[in-house]
Amino acid sequence: MLKALAIFLISAKIVSLYYICINTVFAMNNTLRFIIVDDNKLDQLTLLAKAKSFDQLINIAVCNNADEALLYIKNLKPHLVFLDIDMPGINGIELLRIVKEDVPVAIFVTSHMEYALDSYELAAFDFLLKPVKTERFKAAMDRVFDYWDMKQNAIAYTVKIEKETITIKEGHSQIQIPLNDINYLEAMKDYTKIITTQKKYMTLMPLSSFIKQLPANVFSRIHRSYAVKRDKITRMQTGELFIGAQCLPIGKTFRTETAQWKI
């Protein structure tokens, strides 16, 4: 009886929020609707406080468990979901497996580093460790906004990788990018962003496939989200490296290999 009442109340709230979302879309089509799924009230409040720093983010729900989240995701179609992993009942990993096709951007927020591989296999956009640092949250949001802007504006190109150049087809024209101009590559779900000193390009190829076609020992993966052109690295330190002023993280699984590089 109580469970039925709870579902009814949630459904009524969803109807109300649906109209709010529609109005928000028409008023601010550059915003991202997001929900939080976490059974810890303090962690919910922490994420909400951090999200308030970004005008583009509009919170439409805070869920205490996966059952609530399923209703909101199926009915409100959020653009972004922050997911805890260790929750009673259906955990965050299992939830994302269920709703993966309905969630454009999913970010795990957890205390459990051991789930990083699972998040990678599910193509989660990012993996934040609790307690989430403000600068880490900002970096994640910057990536989300960059990805969303390119996705919404369809600025994604087919790509052909050759020995010394990458050819990008932009409509009926072609752009040739010398490999030597590339600083690093960034994974964004099924896309790869090419970063040169002058410009950025979003390409319709996942990073795992992209890097396999590049010359060996010229580009190297340093993180699940990044691969760098080795001779562009200006300095390295524990857990990160720099290409000019740009700081990039080195994932734990890549640190033994990168420690042997001579810069």
Protein backbone atom coordinates (compact mmCIF):
# COMPACT_ATOMS: atom_id res chain seq x y z
CA MET A 1 0.00 0.00 0.00
CA LEU A 2 2.72 2.43 1.00
CA LYS A 3 4.81 1.51 -2.04
CA ALA A 4 1.82 2.10 -4.33
CA LEU A 5 1.21 5.49 -2.72
CA ALA A 6 4.88 6.42 -3.14
CA ILE A 7 4.76 5.50 -6.84
CA PHE A 8 1.57 7.56 -7.27
CA LEU A 9 3.14 10.60 -5.62
CA ILE A 10 6.29 10.29 -7.71
CA SER A 11 4.21 9.92 -10.90
CA ALA A 12 2.22 13.05 -10.04
CA LYS A 13 5.43 14.95 -9.43
CA ILE A 14 6.80 13.74 -12.77
CA VAL A 15 3.77 15.15 -14.61
CA SER A 16 4.31 18.50 -12.92
CA LEU A 17 8.01 18.46 -13.66
CA TYR A 18 7.37 17.50 -17.28
CA TYR A 19 5.70 20.83 -17.97
CA ILE A 20 8.47 22.65 -16.14
CA CYS A 21 11.00 20.88 -18.36
CA ILE A 22 9.09 21.76 -21.54
CA ASN A 23 8.98 25.43 -20.53
CA THR A 24 12.65 25.35 -19.63
CA VAL A 25 13.60 23.87 -23.01
CA PHE A 26 11.79 26.63 -24.90
CA ALA A 27 13.19 29.35 -22.64
CA MET A 28 16.78 28.11 -22.43
CA ASN A 29 17.63 25.53 -25.09
CA ASN A 30 21.30 25.56 -24.11
CA THR A 31 20.60 24.10 -20.67
CA LEU A 32 21.08 20.53 -19.50
CA ARG A 33 18.46 18.88 -17.33
CA PHE A 34 20.02 16.62 -14.72
CA ILE A 35 19.04 14.26 -11.95
CA ILE A 36 20.98 12.93 -8.98
CA VAL A 37 20.68 9.32 -7.87
CA ASP A 38 22.22 8.77 -4.43
CA ASP A 39 20.95 7.30 -1.17
CA ASN A 40 23.12 9.64 0.92
CA LYS A 41 21.41 12.96 1.71
CA LEU A 42 24.68 14.79 2.39
CA ASP A 43 26.13 13.68 -0.94
CA GLN A 44 22.93 14.80 -2.68
CA LEU A 45 23.25 18.27 -1.14
CA THR A 46 26.95 18.45 -2.01
CA LEU A 47 26.29 17.76 -5.71
CA LEU A 48 23.38 20.19 -5.80
CA ALA A 49 25.57 22.91 -4.29
CA LYS A 50 28.33 22.31 -6.85
CA ALA A 51 25.85 22.22 -9.74
CA LYS A 52 24.41 25.62 -8.73
CA SER A 53 27.66 27.21 -9.86
CA PHE A 54 26.69 26.44 -13.48
CA ASP A 55 23.77 28.30 -15.04
CA GLN A 56 23.51 25.68 -17.78
CA LEU A 57 22.53 22.95 -15.29
CA ILE A 58 18.86 22.59 -14.32
CA ASN A 59 18.04 20.04 -11.62
CA ILE A 60 14.76 18.21 -12.22
CA ALA A 61 14.97 15.44 -9.62
CA VAL A 62 16.92 14.00 -6.72
CA CYS A 63 16.38 10.26 -6.30
CA ASN A 64 17.16 8.14 -3.26
CA ASN A 65 17.27 4.84 -5.13
CA ALA A 66 17.20 3.23 -8.55
CA ASP A 67 13.44 2.57 -8.51
CA GLU A 68 12.72 6.29 -8.26
CA ALA A 69 15.38 7.06 -10.85
CA LEU A 70 13.87 4.65 -13.39
CA LEU A 71 10.58 6.58 -13.32
CA TYR A 72 12.24 9.96 -13.73
CA ILE A 73 14.63 8.83 -16.46
CA LYS A 74 11.93 7.09 -18.50
CA ASN A 75 9.48 9.99 -18.23
CA LEU A 76 11.59 13.15 -18.07
CA LYS A 77 14.50 12.15 -20.31
CA PRO A 78 17.27 14.03 -18.46
CA HIS A 79 20.36 14.98 -20.42
CA LEU A 80 22.71 14.21 -17.55
CA VAL A 81 22.56 11.75 -14.64
CA PHE A 82 24.87 11.73 -11.62
CA LEU A 83 24.91 8.16 -10.32
CA ASP A 84 26.07 6.77 -7.02
CA ILE A 85 27.05 3.10 -7.27
CA ASP A 86 26.72 1.52 -3.82
CA MET A 87 22.97 1.77 -3.19
CA PRO A 88 20.44 -0.67 -1.71
CA GLY A 89 18.53 -2.76 -4.24
CA ILE A 90 19.63 -1.99 -7.79
CA ASN A 91 23.08 -0.38 -7.70
CA GLY A 92 24.29 2.38 -10.00
CA ILE A 93 26.12 0.02 -12.37
CA GLU A 94 23.03 -2.14 -12.84
CA LEU A 95 20.83 0.95 -13.24
CA LEU A 96 22.98 2.35 -16.05
CA ARG A 97 22.86 -1.00 -17.83
CA ILE A 98 19.04 -0.71 -17.79
CA VAL A 99 18.76 2.94 -18.91
CA LYS A 100 21.93 3.34 -20.97
CA GLU A 101 20.03 4.11 -24.18
CA ASP A 102 17.93 6.77 -22.43
CA VAL A 103 20.79 8.68 -20.79
CA PRO A 104 22.97 10.82 -23.09
CA VAL A 105 25.53 11.59 -20.36
CA ALA A 106 26.08 9.52 -17.21
CA ILE A 107 28.64 10.39 -14.55
CA PHE A 108 29.36 8.03 -11.69
CA VAL A 109 29.98 9.67 -8.31
CA THR A 110 31.24 7.10 -5.84
CA SER A 111 33.64 6.27 -3.01
CA HIS A 112 34.61 3.00 -4.69
CA MET A 113 37.53 3.22 -7.10
CA GLU A 114 37.19 -0.50 -7.86
CA TYR A 115 34.17 0.24 -10.07
CA ALA A 116 36.19 2.34 -12.51
CA LEU A 117 36.56 -0.53 -15.00
CA ASP A 118 32.81 -1.21 -14.95
CA SER A 119 32.13 2.46 -15.68
CA TYR A 120 34.60 2.36 -18.56
CA GLU A 121 32.91 -0.72 -20.06
CA LEU A 122 29.52 1.02 -19.79
CA ALA A 123 30.91 4.10 -21.57
CA ALA A 124 30.10 6.39 -18.64
CA PHE A 125 31.14 9.94 -19.47
CA ASP A 126 33.16 10.41 -16.29
CA PHE A 127 33.95 8.83 -12.93
CA LEU A 128 34.20 11.12 -9.89
CA LEU A 129 35.51 9.96 -6.55
CA LYS A 130 33.92 11.15 -3.32
CA PRO A 131 34.53 13.55 -1.74
CA VAL A 132 34.34 15.37 -5.08
CA LYS A 133 36.76 18.28 -5.31
CA THR A 134 35.41 21.50 -6.77
CA GLU A 135 38.10 21.72 -9.46
CA ARG A 136 37.47 18.11 -10.49
CA PHE A 137 33.74 18.74 -10.75
CA LYS A 138 34.37 21.85 -12.84
CA ALA A 139 36.67 19.93 -15.18
CA ALA A 140 33.99 17.28 -15.66
CA MET A 141 31.33 19.91 -16.38
CA ASP A 142 33.56 21.72 -18.85
CA ARG A 143 33.93 18.47 -20.77
CA VAL A 144 30.18 17.83 -20.63
CA PHE A 145 29.34 21.33 -21.94
CA ASP A 146 31.92 21.04 -24.70
CA TYR A 147 30.58 17.65 -25.74
CA TRP A 148 26.96 18.75 -25.56
CA ASP A 149 27.54 21.90 -27.57
CA MET A 150 29.24 19.98 -30.37
CA LYS A 151 26.62 17.25 -30.26
CA GLN A 152 23.67 19.68 -30.38
CA ASN A 153 25.22 21.65 -33.21
CA ALA A 154 26.16 18.50 -35.13
CA ILE A 155 29.78 19.58 -35.29
CA ALA A 156 31.08 16.06 -35.70
CA TYR A 157 33.00 14.93 -38.76
CA THR A 158 33.88 11.66 -40.41
CA VAL A 159 37.59 11.08 -40.35
CA LYS A 160 40.27 9.30 -42.40
CA ILE A 161 43.61 8.64 -40.73
CA GLU A 162 46.67 8.45 -42.97
CA LYS A 163 50.41 8.18 -42.37
CA GLU A 164 51.14 11.86 -41.71
CA THR A 165 47.73 13.53 -41.81
CA ILE A 166 44.17 13.19 -40.61
CA THR A 167 41.53 14.13 -43.18
CA ILE A 168 38.22 15.37 -41.82
CA LYS A 169 35.18 15.56 -44.08
CA GLU A 170 33.13 18.63 -43.24
CA GLY A 171 30.09 18.56 -45.52
CA HIS A 172 31.41 18.64 -49.10
CA SER A 173 34.80 20.01 -48.08
CA GLN A 174 37.81 18.30 -46.55
CA ILE A 175 40.23 19.51 -43.90
CA GLN A 176 43.71 18.05 -43.63
CA ILE A 177 45.35 18.14 -40.21
CA PRO A 178 49.05 17.22 -40.06
CA LEU A 179 49.66 14.77 -37.21
CA ASN A 180 52.39 17.08 -35.97
CA ASP A 181 49.79 19.80 -35.31
CA ILE A 182 47.84 17.62 -32.86
CA ASN A 183 48.49 18.11 -29.15
CA TYR A 184 46.19 15.46 -27.71
CA LEU A 185 42.98 13.48 -28.24
CA GLU A 186 40.03 13.35 -25.89
CA ALA A 187 37.39 10.61 -25.64
CA MET A 188 33.77 11.75 -25.50
CA LYS A 189 31.62 8.63 -25.50
CA ASP A 190 31.47 7.49 -29.16
CA TYR A 191 33.34 10.58 -30.37
CA THR A 192 36.97 11.68 -30.30
CA LYS A 193 37.92 15.32 -29.98
CA ILE A 194 41.12 16.38 -31.73
CA ILE A 195 42.88 19.27 -30.02
CA THR A 196 45.42 21.33 -31.93
CA THR A 197 46.94 24.63 -30.87
CA GLN A 198 44.58 26.53 -33.16
CA LYS A 199 41.32 24.58 -33.11
CA LYS A 200 39.29 21.61 -31.85
CA TYR A 201 37.45 19.05 -33.98
CA MET A 202 34.88 16.45 -32.95
CA THR A 203 35.09 13.24 -34.99
CA LEU A 204 32.70 10.32 -35.37
CA MET A 205 35.04 7.66 -34.03
CA PRO A 206 35.64 6.39 -30.48
CA LEU A 207 39.12 6.97 -29.06
CA SER A 208 39.87 3.24 -28.76
CA SER A 209 39.41 2.82 -32.55
CA PHE A 210 41.04 6.14 -33.34
CA ILE A 211 44.32 5.45 -31.56
CA LYS A 212 44.70 2.00 -33.14
CA GLN A 213 45.07 3.67 -36.53
CA LEU A 214 47.74 6.15 -35.43
CA PRO A 215 51.50 5.54 -35.73
CA ALA A 216 52.87 3.49 -32.83
CA ASN A 217 55.00 5.37 -30.28
CA VAL A 218 53.80 8.73 -31.60
CA PHE A 219 50.49 8.89 -29.71
CA SER A 220 50.03 7.15 -26.39
CA ARG A 221 47.07 6.72 -24.13
CA ILE A 222 47.53 8.21 -20.65
CA HIS A 223 43.99 7.91 -19.32
CA ARG A 224 40.65 6.36 -20.31
CA SER A 225 39.73 9.81 -21.67
CA TYR A 226 43.03 11.04 -23.14
CA ALA A 227 45.81 10.15 -25.55
CA VAL A 228 48.72 12.52 -26.15
CA LYS A 229 51.27 13.15 -28.86
CA ARG A 230 54.42 12.23 -26.99
CA ASP A 231 56.68 14.96 -28.36
CA LYS A 232 54.16 17.65 -27.32
CA ILE A 233 54.58 16.92 -23.61
CA THR A 234 56.43 19.77 -21.90
CA ARG A 235 56.65 18.33 -18.38
CA MET A 236 55.37 15.55 -16.15
CA GLN A 237 54.74 15.09 -12.47
CA THR A 238 52.98 12.56 -10.28
CA GLY A 239 49.57 11.78 -11.70
CA GLU A 240 49.55 14.43 -14.44
CA LEU A 241 51.40 15.89 -17.39
CA PHE A 242 51.44 19.19 -19.24
CA ILE A 243 51.24 20.19 -22.87
CA GLY A 244 52.12 23.84 -22.58
CA ALA A 245 49.70 25.23 -19.99
CA GLN A 246 47.20 22.39 -20.48
CA CYS A 247 47.24 19.89 -17.60
CA LEU A 248 46.02 16.35 -18.29
CA PRO A 249 45.51 13.54 -15.76
CA ILE A 250 47.44 10.27 -15.95
CA GLY A 251 45.26 7.31 -15.05
CA LYS A 252 46.57 4.90 -12.42
CA THR A 253 46.78 2.01 -14.90
CA PHE A 254 49.03 4.10 -17.18
CA ARG A 255 51.43 5.51 -14.58
CA THR A 256 54.00 2.70 -14.69
CA GLU A 257 54.37 3.06 -18.45
CA THR A 258 54.44 6.88 -18.49
CA ALA A 259 57.04 6.96 -15.70
CA GLN A 260 59.51 5.40 -18.16
CA TRP A 261 59.10 8.10 -20.78
CA LYS A 262 61.93 10.53 -21.38
CA ILE A 263 60.64 14.06 -21.80
